[in-house]
C-alpha atoms as a PDB file:
ATOM      1  CA  UNK A   1       7.861  -1.488  13.253  1.00  0.00           C
ATOM      2  CA  UNK A   2       7.549  -0.642   9.655  1.00  0.00           C
ATOM      3  CA  UNK A   3       9.882   2.125   7.851  1.00  0.00           C
ATOM      4  CA  UNK A   4      10.681   3.346   4.389  1.00  0.00           C
ATOM      5  CA  UNK A   5       9.906   2.046   1.076  1.00  0.00           C
ATOM      6  CA  UNK A   6       6.868  -0.319   1.151  1.00  0.00           C
ATOM      7  CA  UNK A   7       4.790  -1.332  -1.752  1.00  0.00           C
ATOM      8  CA  UNK A   8       1.329  -1.727  -2.605  1.00  0.00           C
ATOM      9  CA  UNK A   9       1.991  -4.932  -4.741  1.00  0.00           C
ATOM     10  CA  UNK A  10       0.074  -5.373  -8.259  1.00  0.00           C
ATOM     11  CA  UNK A  11      -2.008  -8.348  -8.393  1.00  0.00           C
ATOM     12  CA  UNK A  12      -0.684 -10.243 -12.162  1.00  0.00           C
ATOM     13  CA  UNK A  13      -3.352 -12.024 -13.766  1.00  0.00           C
ATOM     14  CA  UNK A  14      -4.017 -14.751 -16.574  1.00  0.00           C
ATOM     15  CA  UNK A  15      -7.150 -14.927 -18.449  1.00  0.00           C
ATOM     16  CA  UNK A  16      -7.999 -17.406 -16.095  1.00  0.00           C
ATOM     17  CA  UNK A  17      -6.764 -16.259 -12.741  1.00  0.00           C
ATOM     18  CA  UNK A  18      -3.770 -15.109 -10.605  1.00  0.00           C
ATOM     19  CA  UNK A  19      -0.340 -15.416 -12.707  1.00  0.00           C
ATOM     20  CA  UNK A  20       1.184 -16.957  -9.308  1.00  0.00           C
ATOM     21  CA  UNK A  21       4.618 -17.623 -11.060  1.00  0.00           C
ATOM     22  CA  UNK A  22       5.049 -14.089 -12.137  1.00  0.00           C
ATOM     23  CA  UNK A  23       3.843 -12.484  -8.599  1.00  0.00           C
ATOM     24  CA  UNK A  24       6.298 -14.637  -6.863  1.00  0.00           C
ATOM     25  CA  UNK A  25       8.825 -13.149  -9.156  1.00  0.00           C
ATOM     26  CA  UNK A  26       7.698 -10.198  -9.043  1.00  0.00           C
ATOM     27  CA  UNK A  27       8.004 -10.211  -5.165  1.00  0.00           C
ATOM     28  CA  UNK A  28      11.585 -11.606  -5.377  1.00  0.00           C
ATOM     29  CA  UNK A  29      12.539  -8.643  -7.947  1.00  0.00           C
ATOM     30  CA  UNK A  30      10.824  -5.928  -5.481  1.00  0.00           C
ATOM     31  CA  UNK A  31      13.145  -7.318  -2.361  1.00  0.00           C
ATOM     32  CA  UNK A  32      16.255  -7.334  -4.431  1.00  0.00           C
ATOM     33  CA  UNK A  33      15.599  -3.710  -5.600  1.00  0.00           C
ATOM     34  CA  UNK A  34      15.316  -2.453  -2.337  1.00  0.00           C
ATOM     35  CA  UNK A  35      11.499  -2.785  -0.961  1.00  0.00           C
ATOM     36  CA  UNK A  36      11.175  -2.941   2.902  1.00  0.00           C
ATOM     37  CA  UNK A  37       7.777  -4.039   2.748  1.00  0.00           C
ATOM     38  CA  UNK A  38       5.328  -5.867   0.777  1.00  0.00           C
ATOM     39  CA  UNK A  39       1.678  -5.281   0.947  1.00  0.00           C
ATOM     40  CA  UNK A  40      -0.428  -8.326  -1.198  1.00  0.00           C
ATOM     41  CA  UNK A  41      -4.333  -7.553  -1.567  1.00  0.00           C
ATOM     42  CA  UNK A  42      -4.573  -3.939  -1.078  1.00  0.00           C
ATOM     43  CA  UNK A  43      -6.334  -1.645  -3.285  1.00  0.00           C
ATOM     44  CA  UNK A  44      -3.751  -1.767  -5.850  1.00  0.00           C
ATOM     45  CA  UNK A  45      -3.576  -5.666  -5.666  1.00  0.00           C
ATOM     46  CA  UNK A  46      -7.345  -5.473  -6.941  1.00  0.00           C
ATOM     47  CA  UNK A  47      -8.782  -7.196  -3.892  1.00  0.00           C
ATOM     48  CA  UNK A  48     -12.366  -6.171  -4.461  1.00  0.00           C
ATOM     49  CA  UNK A  49     -12.442  -8.534  -7.480  1.00  0.00           C
ATOM     50  CA  UNK A  50     -10.508 -11.188  -5.820  1.00  0.00           C
ATOM     51  CA  UNK A  51     -12.269 -14.039  -4.810  1.00  0.00           C
ATOM     52  CA  UNK A  52     -11.767 -15.204  -1.154  1.00  0.00           C
ATOM     53  CA  UNK A  53     -10.056 -18.347  -2.673  1.00  0.00           C
ATOM     54  CA  UNK A  54      -7.511 -16.214  -4.483  1.00  0.00           C
ATOM     55  CA  UNK A  55      -7.010 -13.594  -1.618  1.00  0.00           C
ATOM     56  CA  UNK A  56      -5.558 -15.961   0.653  1.00  0.00           C
ATOM     57  CA  UNK A  57      -3.744 -17.555  -1.831  1.00  0.00           C
ATOM     58  CA  UNK A  58      -1.691 -14.401  -2.721  1.00  0.00           C
ATOM     59  CA  UNK A  59      -1.091 -14.192   0.541  1.00  0.00           C
ATOM     60  CA  UNK A  60       0.372 -17.294   1.116  1.00  0.00           C
ATOM     61  CA  UNK A  61       2.351 -16.897  -2.197  1.00  0.00           C
ATOM     62  CA  UNK A  62       3.573 -13.537  -0.914  1.00  0.00           C
ATOM     63  CA  UNK A  63       4.684 -14.796   2.170  1.00  0.00           C
ATOM     64  CA  UNK A  64       6.285 -17.892   0.031  1.00  0.00           C
ATOM     65  CA  UNK A  65       8.172 -15.723  -1.805  1.00  0.00           C
ATOM     66  CA  UNK A  66       9.500 -12.894   0.603  1.00  0.00           C
ATOM     67  CA  UNK A  67      10.681 -16.140   2.863  1.00  0.00           C
ATOM     68  CA  UNK A  68      11.660 -13.779   5.726  1.00  0.00           C
ATOM     69  CA  UNK A  69      13.601 -10.990   3.699  1.00  0.00           C
ATOM     70  CA  UNK A  70      10.829  -8.324   4.104  1.00  0.00           C
ATOM     71  CA  UNK A  71       7.848  -8.119   6.113  1.00  0.00           C
ATOM     72  CA  UNK A  72       4.259  -8.981   5.119  1.00  0.00           C
ATOM     73  CA  UNK A  73       1.482  -6.501   5.372  1.00  0.00           C
ATOM     74  CA  UNK A  74      -1.289  -8.466   4.124  1.00  0.00           C
ATOM     75  CA  UNK A  75      -4.591  -6.309   2.944  1.00  0.00           C
ATOM     76  CA  UNK A  76      -7.337  -7.471   5.127  1.00  0.00           C
ATOM     77  CA  UNK A  77     -10.245  -5.160   5.144  1.00  0.00           C
ATOM     78  CA  UNK A  78     -13.665  -5.364   4.062  1.00  0.00           C
ATOM     79  CA  UNK A  79     -16.905  -3.274   4.845  1.00  0.00           C
ATOM     80  CA  UNK A  80     -18.168  -6.388   6.639  1.00  0.00           C
ATOM     81  CA  UNK A  81     -16.371  -6.504  10.322  1.00  0.00           C
ATOM     82  CA  UNK A  82     -16.873 -10.669  10.111  1.00  0.00           C
ATOM     83  CA  UNK A  83     -15.479 -10.441   7.180  1.00  0.00           C
ATOM     84  CA  UNK A  84     -12.568  -8.506   7.877  1.00  0.00           C
ATOM     85  CA  UNK A  85     -11.698 -10.877  10.597  1.00  0.00           C
ATOM     86  CA  UNK A  86     -11.628 -13.935   8.681  1.00  0.00           C
ATOM     87  CA  UNK A  87      -9.790 -12.632   5.986  1.00  0.00           C
ATOM     88  CA  UNK A  88      -6.990 -11.330   9.240  1.00  0.00           C
ATOM     89  CA  UNK A  89      -7.250 -14.668  11.136  1.00  0.00           C
ATOM     90  CA  UNK A  90      -6.250 -15.980   7.621  1.00  0.00           C
ATOM     91  CA  UNK A  91      -3.345 -13.743   6.993  1.00  0.00           C
ATOM     92  CA  UNK A  92      -2.397 -14.693  10.271  1.00  0.00           C
ATOM     93  CA  UNK A  93      -2.103 -18.392   9.659  1.00  0.00           C
ATOM     94  CA  UNK A  94      -0.249 -17.621   6.006  1.00  0.00           C
ATOM     95  CA  UNK A  95       2.419 -15.983   8.006  1.00  0.00           C
ATOM     96  CA  UNK A  96       1.897 -12.611   7.744  1.00  0.00           C
ATOM     97  CA  UNK A  97       3.567  -9.941   9.635  1.00  0.00           C
ATOM     98  CA  UNK A  98       0.728  -7.700  10.164  1.00  0.00           C
ATOM     99  CA  UNK A  99      -2.970  -6.866   8.263  1.00  0.00           C
ATOM    100  CA  UNK A 100      -3.732  -3.672   6.882  1.00  0.00           C
ATOM    101  CA  UNK A 101      -7.232  -2.926   7.548  1.00  0.00           C
ATOM    102  CA  UNK A 102      -9.281  -0.712   5.364  1.00  0.00           C
ATOM    103  CA  UNK A 103     -12.129   1.554   7.351  1.00  0.00           C
ATOM    104  CA  UNK A 104     -15.485   0.086   6.238  1.00  0.00           C
ATOM    105  CA  UNK A 105     -16.205   1.723   2.975  1.00  0.00           C
ATOM    106  CA  UNK A 106     -20.162   2.263   1.532  1.00  0.00           C
ATOM    107  CA  UNK A 107     -21.509   1.815   5.232  1.00  0.00           C
ATOM    108  CA  UNK A 108     -20.468   5.130   6.158  1.00  0.00           C
ATOM    109  CA  UNK A 109     -20.192   4.062   9.768  1.00  0.00           C
ATOM    110  CA  UNK A 110     -19.969   6.450  12.987  1.00  0.00           C
ATOM    111  CA  UNK A 111     -16.514   6.941  14.592  1.00  0.00           C
ATOM    112  CA  UNK A 112     -18.186   4.740  17.358  1.00  0.00           C
ATOM    113  CA  UNK A 113     -18.691   2.195  14.950  1.00  0.00           C
ATOM    114  CA  UNK A 114     -14.805   2.295  13.155  1.00  0.00           C
ATOM    115  CA  UNK A 115     -14.255   1.855  16.576  1.00  0.00           C
ATOM    116  CA  UNK A 116     -16.045  -1.076  17.256  1.00  0.00           C
ATOM    117  CA  UNK A 117     -15.302  -2.230  14.006  1.00  0.00           C
ATOM    118  CA  UNK A 118     -11.606  -2.171  14.683  1.00  0.00           C
ATOM    119  CA  UNK A 119     -11.612  -3.279  18.430  1.00  0.00           C
ATOM    120  CA  UNK A 120     -13.865  -6.371  16.942  1.00  0.00           C
ATOM    121  CA  UNK A 121     -10.822  -7.013  14.528  1.00  0.00           C
ATOM    122  CA  UNK A 122      -8.274  -6.346  16.741  1.00  0.00           C
ATOM    123  CA  UNK A 123      -9.707  -8.798  19.538  1.00  0.00           C
ATOM    124  CA  UNK A 124     -10.689 -11.516  17.232  1.00  0.00           C
ATOM    125  CA  UNK A 125      -6.948 -11.844  14.980  1.00  0.00           C
ATOM    126  CA  UNK A 126      -3.782 -12.195  17.130  1.00  0.00           C
ATOM    127  CA  UNK A 127      -1.759  -9.825  14.548  1.00  0.00           C
ATOM    128  CA  UNK A 128      -0.465  -6.252  14.318  1.00  0.00           C
ATOM    129  CA  UNK A 129      -2.631  -4.148  12.667  1.00  0.00           C
ATOM    130  CA  UNK A 130      -2.489  -1.027  10.397  1.00  0.00           C
ATOM    131  CA  UNK A 131      -5.775   1.426  10.085  1.00  0.00           C
ATOM    132  CA  UNK A 132      -5.838   2.256   6.374  1.00  0.00           C
ATOM    133  CA  UNK A 133      -7.627   5.516   6.586  1.00  0.00           C
ATOM    134  CA  UNK A 134      -8.650   6.693   2.970  1.00  0.00           C
ATOM    135  CA  UNK A 135     -11.222   8.646   2.681  1.00  0.00           C
ATOM    136  CA  UNK A 136     -11.590   9.288  -1.053  1.00  0.00           C
ATOM    137  CA  UNK A 137     -12.372   5.582  -1.091  1.00  0.00           C
ATOM    138  CA  UNK A 138     -14.177   4.586   1.301  1.00  0.00           C
ATOM    139  CA  UNK A 139     -16.131   7.670   2.082  1.00  0.00           C
ATOM    140  CA  UNK A 140     -15.520   8.173   5.628  1.00  0.00           C
ATOM    141  CA  UNK A 141     -12.579   9.745   7.380  1.00  0.00           C
ATOM    142  CA  UNK A 142     -10.941   8.298  10.808  1.00  0.00           C
ATOM    143  CA  UNK A 143     -10.550  11.185  13.302  1.00  0.00           C
ATOM    144  CA  UNK A 144      -7.453  11.830  15.181  1.00  0.00           C
ATOM    145  CA  UNK A 145      -9.786  11.366  18.262  1.00  0.00           C
ATOM    146  CA  UNK A 146     -10.424   7.709  17.148  1.00  0.00           C
ATOM    147  CA  UNK A 147      -7.159   6.483  15.899  1.00  0.00           C
ATOM    148  CA  UNK A 148      -5.650   7.395  19.782  1.00  0.00           C
ATOM    149  CA  UNK A 149      -8.390   5.170  21.420  1.00  0.00           C
ATOM    150  CA  UNK A 150      -7.339   2.449  19.048  1.00  0.00           C
ATOM    151  CA  UNK A 151      -3.464   2.755  19.183  1.00  0.00           C
ATOM    152  CA  UNK A 152      -4.121   1.979  23.150  1.00  0.00           C
ATOM    153  CA  UNK A 153      -4.910  -1.355  22.095  1.00  0.00           C
ATOM    154  CA  UNK A 154      -2.024  -3.683  22.018  1.00  0.00           C
ATOM    155  CA  UNK A 155      -2.068  -4.676  18.609  1.00  0.00           C
ATOM    156  CA  UNK A 156      -3.016  -1.597  16.496  1.00  0.00           C
ATOM    157  CA  UNK A 157       0.748  -0.759  15.734  1.00  0.00           C
ATOM    158  CA  UNK A 158       0.028   2.247  12.792  1.00  0.00           C
ATOM    159  CA  UNK A 159      -1.816   3.696   9.958  1.00  0.00           C
ATOM    160  CA  UNK A 160      -1.654   3.882   6.427  1.00  0.00           C
ATOM    161  CA  UNK A 161      -2.439   7.206   5.767  1.00  0.00           C
ATOM    162  CA  UNK A 162      -3.960   8.563   2.338  1.00  0.00           C
ATOM    163  CA  UNK A 163      -6.190  11.445   3.865  1.00  0.00           C
ATOM    164  CA  UNK A 164      -3.612  13.983   1.838  1.00  0.00           C
ATOM    165  CA  UNK A 165      -4.123  15.672   4.862  1.00  0.00           C
ATOM    166  CA  UNK A 166      -0.656  17.268   5.889  1.00  0.00           C
ATOM    167  CA  UNK A 167      -1.168  18.175   9.487  1.00  0.00           C
ATOM    168  CA  UNK A 168      -2.461  14.365   9.909  1.00  0.00           C
ATOM    169  CA  UNK A 169       1.221  12.995  10.624  1.00  0.00           C
ATOM    170  CA  UNK A 170       2.152  15.755  13.000  1.00  0.00           C
ATOM    171  CA  UNK A 171      -1.605  15.643  15.162  1.00  0.00           C
ATOM    172  CA  UNK A 172      -1.472  11.558  15.026  1.00  0.00           C
ATOM    173  CA  UNK A 173       2.166  11.760  16.377  1.00  0.00           C
ATOM    174  CA  UNK A 174       1.371  14.096  19.178  1.00  0.00           C
ATOM    175  CA  UNK A 175      -1.829  12.175  19.990  1.00  0.00           C
ATOM    176  CA  UNK A 176      -0.678   8.654  19.320  1.00  0.00           C
ATOM    177  CA  UNK A 177       3.007   8.809  20.402  1.00  0.00           C
ATOM    178  CA  UNK A 178       6.156   8.795  18.287  1.00  0.00           C
ATOM    179  CA  UNK A 179       6.122   4.903  17.953  1.00  0.00           C
ATOM    180  CA  UNK A 180       2.503   4.864  16.641  1.00  0.00           C
ATOM    181  CA  UNK A 181       3.682   3.665  13.085  1.00  0.00           C
ATOM    182  CA  UNK A 182       2.392   6.391  10.306  1.00  0.00           C
ATOM    183  CA  UNK A 183       3.011   5.373   6.695  1.00  0.00           C
ATOM    184  CA  UNK A 184       1.998   7.761   3.705  1.00  0.00           C
ATOM    185  CA  UNK A 185      -0.509   6.341   1.241  1.00  0.00           C
ATOM    186  CA  UNK A 186       0.355   9.178  -1.025  1.00  0.00           C
ATOM    187  CA  UNK A 187       3.220   8.815  -3.029  1.00  0.00           C
ATOM    188  CA  UNK A 188       3.733  12.636  -3.720  1.00  0.00           C
ATOM    189  CA  UNK A 189       3.417  14.036  -0.561  1.00  0.00           C
ATOM    190  CA  UNK A 190       5.973  11.321   1.033  1.00  0.00           C
ATOM    191  CA  UNK A 191       8.683  14.229   2.370  1.00  0.00           C
ATOM    192  CA  UNK A 192       6.785  16.342   3.614  1.00  0.00           C
ATOM    193  CA  UNK A 193       4.737  13.551   5.107  1.00  0.00           C
ATOM    194  CA  UNK A 194       8.223  12.421   6.945  1.00  0.00           C
ATOM    195  CA  UNK A 195       8.839  15.680   8.051  1.00  0.00           C
ATOM    196  CA  UNK A 196       5.628  15.710  10.225  1.00  0.00           C
ATOM    197  CA  UNK A 197       7.035  12.656  11.792  1.00  0.00           C
ATOM    198  CA  UNK A 198       6.055   9.942   9.677  1.00  0.00           C
ATOM    199  CA  UNK A 199       8.510   6.811   9.296  1.00  0.00           C
ATOM    200  CA  UNK A 200       7.522   5.203   5.239  1.00  0.00           C
ATOM    201  CA  UNK A 201       5.295   5.201   2.396  1.00  0.00           C
ATOM    202  CA  UNK A 202       2.804   2.238   1.022  1.00  0.00           C
ATOM    203  CA  UNK A 203       3.624   3.311  -2.336  1.00  0.00           C
ATOM    204  CA  UNK A 204       2.006   2.412  -5.839  1.00  0.00           C
ATOM    205  CA  UNK A 205       5.102   4.072  -7.863  1.00  0.00           C
ATOM    206  CA  UNK A 206       7.434   1.565  -6.381  1.00  0.00           C
ATOM    207  CA  UNK A 207       5.997  -1.159  -8.340  1.00  0.00           C
ATOM    208  CA  UNK A 208       8.101   0.388 -11.368  1.00  0.00           C
ATOM    209  CA  UNK A 209      10.609   2.289  -9.310  1.00  0.00           C
ATOM    210  CA  UNK A 210      11.414  -0.104  -6.351  1.00  0.00           C
ATOM    211  CA  UNK A 211      15.017   1.051  -6.579  1.00  0.00           C
ATOM    212  CA  UNK A 212      14.801   4.819  -6.600  1.00  0.00           C
ATOM    213  CA  UNK A 213      12.301   4.927  -4.052  1.00  0.00           C
ATOM    214  CA  UNK A 214      14.082   2.611  -1.834  1.00  0.00           C
ATOM    215  CA  UNK A 215      17.335   5.614  -2.297  1.00  0.00           C
ATOM    216  CA  UNK A 216      15.084   8.598  -1.599  1.00  0.00           C
ATOM    217  CA  UNK A 217      13.704   6.993   1.848  1.00  0.00           C
ATOM    218  CA  UNK A 218      17.446   6.067   2.326  1.00  0.00           C
ATOM    219  CA  UNK A 219      18.737   9.836   1.502  1.00  0.00           C
ATOM    220  CA  UNK A 220      16.318  10.820   3.947  1.00  0.00           C
ATOM    221  CA  UNK A 221      17.171   8.639   7.093  1.00  0.00           C
ATOM    222  CA  UNK A 222      20.801   9.737   6.348  1.00  0.00           C
ATOM    223  CA  UNK A 223      19.940  13.274   6.349  1.00  0.00           C
ATOM    224  CA  UNK A 224      21.022  14.077   2.829  1.00  0.00           C
ATOM    225  CA  UNK A 225      17.781  16.201   2.840  1.00  0.00           C
ATOM    226  CA  UNK A 226      18.846  17.629  -1.048  1.00  0.00           C
ATOM    227  CA  UNK A 227      19.468  13.815  -2.237  1.00  0.00           C
ATOM    228  CA  UNK A 228      16.021  12.975  -0.919  1.00  0.00           C
ATOM    229  CA  UNK A 229      14.825  16.476  -2.353  1.00  0.00           C
ATOM    230  CA  UNK A 230      16.363  15.827  -6.028  1.00  0.00           C
ATOM    231  CA  UNK A 231      14.629  12.195  -6.285  1.00  0.00           C
ATOM    232  CA  UNK A 232      11.505  13.170  -4.961  1.00  0.00           C
ATOM    233  CA  UNK A 233      11.690  15.895  -7.620  1.00  0.00           C
ATOM    234  CA  UNK A 234      12.537  13.182 -10.068  1.00  0.00           C
ATOM    235  CA  UNK A 235       9.752  10.816  -9.472  1.00  0.00           C
ATOM    236  CA  UNK A 236       6.939  13.282  -9.283  1.00  0.00           C
ATOM    237  CA  UNK A 237       5.990  12.987 -12.821  1.00  0.00           C
ATOM    238  CA  UNK A 238       5.918   9.582 -12.194  1.00  0.00           C
ATOM    239  CA  UNK A 239       3.498   9.788  -9.191  1.00  0.00           C
ATOM    240  CA  UNK A 240       1.466  11.681 -10.909  1.00  0.00           C
ATOM    241  CA  UNK A 241       1.146   9.731 -13.805  1.00  0.00           C
ATOM    242  CA  UNK A 242       0.134   6.430 -11.608  1.00  0.00           C
ATOM    243  CA  UNK A 243      -2.936   7.636 -10.963  1.00  0.00           C
ATOM    244  CA  UNK A 244      -4.044   9.996 -14.286  1.00  0.00           C
ATOM    245  CA  UNK A 245      -6.677   7.187 -14.646  1.00  0.00           C
ATOM    246  CA  UNK A 246      -7.622   4.772 -11.662  1.00  0.00           C
ATOM    247  CA  UNK A 247      -5.404   2.993 -10.143  1.00  0.00           C
ATOM    248  CA  UNK A 248      -3.935   0.726 -11.065  1.00  0.00           C
ATOM    249  CA  UNK A 249      -4.710   0.498 -14.595  1.00  0.00           C
ATOM    250  CA  UNK A 250      -1.410   3.384 -15.339  1.00  0.00           C
ATOM    251  CA  UNK A 251       1.157   1.146 -13.028  1.00  0.00           C
ATOM    252  CA  UNK A 252       0.108  -2.041 -14.423  1.00  0.00           C
ATOM    253  CA  UNK A 253       0.812  -0.974 -17.927  1.00  0.00           C
ATOM    254  CA  UNK A 254       3.569   0.523 -16.585  1.00  0.00           C
ATOM    255  CA  UNK A 255       5.025  -3.099 -15.463  1.00  0.00           C
ATOM    256  CA  UNK A 256       3.983  -4.883 -18.772  1.00  0.00           C
ATOM    257  CA  UNK A 257       6.411  -2.219 -19.969  1.00  0.00           C
ATOM    258  CA  UNK A 258       9.313  -3.524 -18.037  1.00  0.00           C
ATOM    259  CA  UNK A 259       8.239  -7.220 -18.421  1.00  0.00           C
ATOM    260  CA  UNK A 260       6.778  -7.832 -14.654  1.00  0.00           C
ATOM    261  CA  UNK A 261       3.440  -8.395 -15.160  1.00  0.00           C
ATOM    262  CA  UNK A 262       0.900  -8.361 -17.733  1.00  0.00           C
ATOM    263  CA  UNK A 263      -1.816  -5.190 -17.775  1.00  0.00           C
ATOM    264  CA  UNK A 264      -4.556  -7.191 -17.671  1.00  0.00           C
ATOM    265  CA  UNK A 265      -7.560  -5.820 -14.985  1.00  0.00           C
ATOM    266  CA  UNK A 266     -10.540  -7.156 -13.813  1.00  0.00           C
ATOM    267  CA  UNK A 267     -13.954  -5.328 -14.479  1.00  0.00           C
ATOM    268  CA  UNK A 268     -15.119  -2.535 -13.409  1.00  0.00           C
ATOM    269  CA  UNK A 269     -12.040  -1.464 -14.525  1.00  0.00           C
ATOM    270  CA  UNK A 270     -11.292  -1.227 -18.230  1.00  0.00           C
ATOM    271  CA  UNK A 271      -7.884  -0.944 -19.930  1.00  0.00           C
ATOM    272  CA  UNK A 272      -6.339   2.259 -19.762  1.00  0.00           C
ATOM    273  CA  UNK A 273      -6.687   4.961 -22.533  1.00  0.00           C
ATOM    274  CA  UNK A 274      -4.552   5.186 -25.348  1.00  0.00           C
ATOM    275  CA  UNK A 275      -3.424   8.697 -24.297  1.00  0.00           C
ATOM    276  CA  UNK A 276      -3.070   7.031 -20.815  1.00  0.00           C
ATOM    277  CA  UNK A 277      -0.671   4.435 -22.412  1.00  0.00           C
ATOM    278  CA  UNK A 278       1.981   7.074 -24.315  1.00  0.00           C
ATOM    279  CA  UNK A 279       1.822   9.498 -21.044  1.00  0.00           C
ATOM    280  CA  UNK A 280       3.042   6.208 -18.814  1.00  0.00           C
ATOM    281  CA  UNK A 281       5.415   5.768 -21.111  1.00  0.00           C
ATOM    282  CA  UNK A 282       6.888   8.893 -21.551  1.00  0.00           C
ATOM    283  CA  UNK A 283       6.889   8.991 -17.693  1.00  0.00           C
ATOM    284  CA  UNK A 284       9.045   6.130 -17.513  1.00  0.00           C
ATOM    285  CA  UNK A 285      11.311   7.376 -20.377  1.00  0.00           C
ATOM    286  CA  UNK A 286      11.928  10.771 -18.433  1.00  0.00           C
ATOM    287  CA  UNK A 287      12.523   9.061 -15.396  1.00  0.00           C
ATOM    288  CA  UNK A 288      14.743   6.616 -16.597  1.00  0.00           C
ATOM    289  CA  UNK A 289      13.321   3.406 -16.140  1.00  0.00           C
ATOM    290  CA  UNK A 290      12.959   2.653 -19.701  1.00  0.00           C
ATOM    291  CA  UNK A 291      14.972   3.204 -23.119  1.00  0.00           C
ATOM    292  CA  UNK A 292      13.804   5.361 -25.688  1.00  0.00           C
END
């Protein structure tokens, strides 16, 4: 259902709230540059600091701007099952194509708790669901066994895997089958993830290099592995730089350099350090995204 280069969208802010015009222009630019899927209201979109009204509005804006040209996978996760159900139902009403639901953070549920959480969302909201497994932020790691149980539910269609464990796509493919959609959540490991049976990547870097990311995925899909590797090598320093401080600080500053967004962040995220700004600029110069 979903494959190739997908973008975990940033959310541009003004001093007063979401910059709706900038966000929709950004979505349009992503599509024209080749992005194959759009993910509003993920961590990169600063979902933890969006109000519920803003969250729903950003999904509405994304669906409207995409206008059917690329699928919209709305971030709807929460460590409250009831809240995740509410956000997923709202995404369905907005016209999103699927929901991206993160494993509950802070609560530290057991594997049975994870299963029951996702099953409750599945049963309450008639929308395809991608599990978002990111142990580094949520502290819990969904096992392949639990994911296999969930994959038997008709609307649990795949996973965004940010475990950074390159055995996972192989184990998940063997356990859940080749049609269970596997999207990497780690830009730097995308080629080995694809080699293990993955279908694509939900990327931070593609916020600022959408065309290069799409070309890398197209090269891989065409069997031109040398070209895919060359593009991966070109993008690798940029991947590293986008996470040299807490994301989305670096990528929002990079988007500002491209004239695509402000670099405003919401507390508790602070503006990136001056040294990080220089590193972002140099990486973008080296990658050919800006001129010196």
